[in-house]
Amino acid sequence: MDSIADCILFPDKSEYKSKHTIRDENTNAHDLKDFYFTFIELPKFPKTKVGKHS
């Protein structure tokens, strides 16, 4: 699942994009390896302009 947020979800992380997995609370097993969440926090997104290429 991908999510774009117009707010800061993870204030202790500097990167604008983060990927989170699901783990079993009892065993910490990572059984659902293909199931994850990706968050993009727009306030952290780089605001530099990319120049044109010839």
N, C-alpha and C. Protein backbone atom coordinates (compact mmCIF):
# COMPACT_ATOMS: atom_id res chain seq x y z
N MET A 1 0.84 -1.16 0.00
CA MET A 1 0.00 0.00 0.00
C MET A 1 0.89 1.23 0.00
N ASP A 2 0.59 2.18 -0.83
CA ASP A 2 1.33 3.44 -0.90
C ASP A 2 0.44 4.56 -0.38
N SER A 3 1.05 5.49 0.32
CA SER A 3 0.29 6.61 0.87
C SER A 3 1.11 7.89 0.74
N ILE A 4 0.46 8.95 0.28
CA ILE A 4 1.08 10.26 0.21
C ILE A 4 0.41 11.11 1.28
N ALA A 5 1.22 11.64 2.19
CA ALA A 5 0.69 12.41 3.31
C ALA A 5 1.11 13.87 3.20
N ASP A 6 0.15 14.76 3.42
CA ASP A 6 0.43 16.19 3.42
C ASP A 6 0.72 16.66 4.85
N CYS A 7 1.40 15.80 5.60
CA CYS A 7 1.76 16.10 6.98
C CYS A 7 2.99 15.26 7.34
N ILE A 8 3.57 15.55 8.49
CA ILE A 8 4.71 14.79 8.98
C ILE A 8 4.18 13.63 9.82
N LEU A 9 4.42 12.41 9.38
CA LEU A 9 3.99 11.23 10.12
C LEU A 9 5.08 10.73 11.06
N PHE A 10 6.32 10.87 10.66
CA PHE A 10 7.45 10.34 11.41
C PHE A 10 8.46 11.46 11.66
N PRO A 11 8.23 12.29 12.69
CA PRO A 11 9.09 13.46 12.90
C PRO A 11 10.55 13.14 13.21
N ASP A 12 10.84 11.95 13.68
CA ASP A 12 12.23 11.59 14.00
C ASP A 12 13.00 11.07 12.80
N LYS A 13 12.34 10.95 11.65
CA LYS A 13 13.01 10.47 10.43
C LYS A 13 13.16 11.64 9.47
N SER A 14 14.33 11.76 8.86
CA SER A 14 14.57 12.89 7.95
C SER A 14 14.17 12.59 6.51
N GLU A 15 14.16 11.34 6.11
CA GLU A 15 13.82 10.97 4.74
C GLU A 15 12.33 11.18 4.47
N TYR A 16 11.98 11.61 3.25
CA TYR A 16 10.59 11.84 2.91
C TYR A 16 9.85 10.54 2.57
N LYS A 17 10.60 9.49 2.23
CA LYS A 17 9.98 8.22 1.84
C LYS A 17 10.41 7.14 2.82
N SER A 18 9.43 6.36 3.30
CA SER A 18 9.75 5.27 4.22
C SER A 18 8.91 4.04 3.88
N LYS A 19 9.49 2.88 4.12
CA LYS A 19 8.83 1.61 3.82
C LYS A 19 8.73 0.82 5.12
N HIS A 20 7.53 0.34 5.42
CA HIS A 20 7.28 -0.34 6.68
C HIS A 20 6.71 -1.73 6.41
N THR A 21 7.18 -2.69 7.16
CA THR A 21 6.73 -4.08 7.03
C THR A 21 5.85 -4.45 8.22
N ILE A 22 5.23 -5.59 8.11
CA ILE A 22 4.38 -6.11 9.18
C ILE A 22 5.05 -7.32 9.79
N ARG A 23 5.11 -7.33 11.11
CA ARG A 23 5.74 -8.45 11.83
C ARG A 23 4.78 -8.98 12.88
N ASP A 24 4.90 -10.25 13.16
CA ASP A 24 4.10 -10.90 14.19
C ASP A 24 4.50 -10.33 15.55
N GLU A 25 3.53 -9.89 16.35
CA GLU A 25 3.83 -9.28 17.65
C GLU A 25 4.44 -10.28 18.63
N ASN A 26 4.07 -11.53 18.55
CA ASN A 26 4.57 -12.52 19.49
C ASN A 26 5.96 -13.05 19.14
N THR A 27 6.19 -13.29 17.87
CA THR A 27 7.44 -13.93 17.46
C THR A 27 8.39 -12.99 16.70
N ASN A 28 7.89 -11.84 16.28
CA ASN A 28 8.63 -10.89 15.45
C ASN A 28 8.96 -11.48 14.07
N ALA A 29 8.26 -12.55 13.70
CA ALA A 29 8.47 -13.17 12.39
C ALA A 29 7.92 -12.27 11.29
N HIS A 30 8.62 -12.25 10.19
CA HIS A 30 8.24 -11.44 9.03
C HIS A 30 7.60 -12.36 8.00
N ASP A 31 6.39 -12.82 8.31
CA ASP A 31 5.71 -13.80 7.46
C ASP A 31 5.13 -13.19 6.18
N LEU A 32 4.73 -11.94 6.22
CA LEU A 32 4.09 -11.29 5.08
C LEU A 32 5.10 -10.42 4.34
N LYS A 33 6.09 -11.06 3.75
CA LYS A 33 7.20 -10.35 3.13
C LYS A 33 6.79 -9.46 1.95
N ASP A 34 5.73 -9.82 1.25
CA ASP A 34 5.29 -9.04 0.10
C ASP A 34 4.26 -7.98 0.46
N PHE A 35 3.94 -7.86 1.73
CA PHE A 35 2.94 -6.91 2.18
C PHE A 35 3.63 -5.83 3.00
N TYR A 36 3.61 -4.59 2.50
CA TYR A 36 4.29 -3.50 3.18
C TYR A 36 3.58 -2.19 2.89
N PHE A 37 3.95 -1.17 3.61
CA PHE A 37 3.39 0.17 3.46
C PHE A 37 4.52 1.13 3.10
N THR A 38 4.29 1.96 2.09
CA THR A 38 5.24 2.99 1.72
C THR A 38 4.56 4.34 1.95
N PHE A 39 5.24 5.21 2.66
CA PHE A 39 4.71 6.53 2.95
C PHE A 39 5.62 7.58 2.33
N ILE A 40 5.03 8.58 1.70
CA ILE A 40 5.75 9.75 1.22
C ILE A 40 5.18 10.95 1.96
N GLU A 41 6.04 11.63 2.72
CA GLU A 41 5.62 12.79 3.50
C GLU A 41 5.95 14.05 2.69
N LEU A 42 4.94 14.71 2.14
CA LEU A 42 5.16 15.86 1.26
C LEU A 42 5.93 17.00 1.91
N PRO A 43 5.73 17.35 3.19
CA PRO A 43 6.51 18.44 3.76
C PRO A 43 8.03 18.17 3.77
N LYS A 44 8.43 16.91 3.71
CA LYS A 44 9.86 16.57 3.70
C LYS A 44 10.41 16.41 2.29
N PHE A 45 9.54 16.43 1.29
CA PHE A 45 9.96 16.20 -0.09
C PHE A 45 10.91 17.31 -0.53
N PRO A 46 12.02 16.97 -1.22
CA PRO A 46 12.98 17.99 -1.66
C PRO A 46 12.32 19.00 -2.59
N LYS A 47 12.59 20.27 -2.35
CA LYS A 47 11.95 21.32 -3.13
C LYS A 47 12.88 21.93 -4.19
N THR A 48 13.90 21.20 -4.58
CA THR A 48 14.82 21.68 -5.60
C THR A 48 14.24 21.43 -6.97
N LYS A 49 14.51 22.32 -7.88
CA LYS A 49 13.99 22.20 -9.25
C LYS A 49 15.02 21.48 -10.11
N VAL A 50 14.57 20.50 -10.86
CA VAL A 50 15.44 19.74 -11.74
C VAL A 50 15.49 20.47 -13.08
N GLY A 51 16.71 20.70 -13.59
CA GLY A 51 16.88 21.42 -14.86
C GLY A 51 16.56 20.55 -16.05
N LYS A 52 16.35 21.19 -17.19
CA LYS A 52 16.06 20.46 -18.44
C LYS A 52 17.33 19.83 -18.97
N HIS A 53 17.17 18.69 -19.59
CA HIS A 53 18.29 18.00 -20.24
C HIS A 53 18.10 18.09 -21.74
N SER A 54 19.18 18.25 -22.48
CA SER A 54 19.09 18.35 -23.94
C SER A 54 18.91 17.00 -24.56
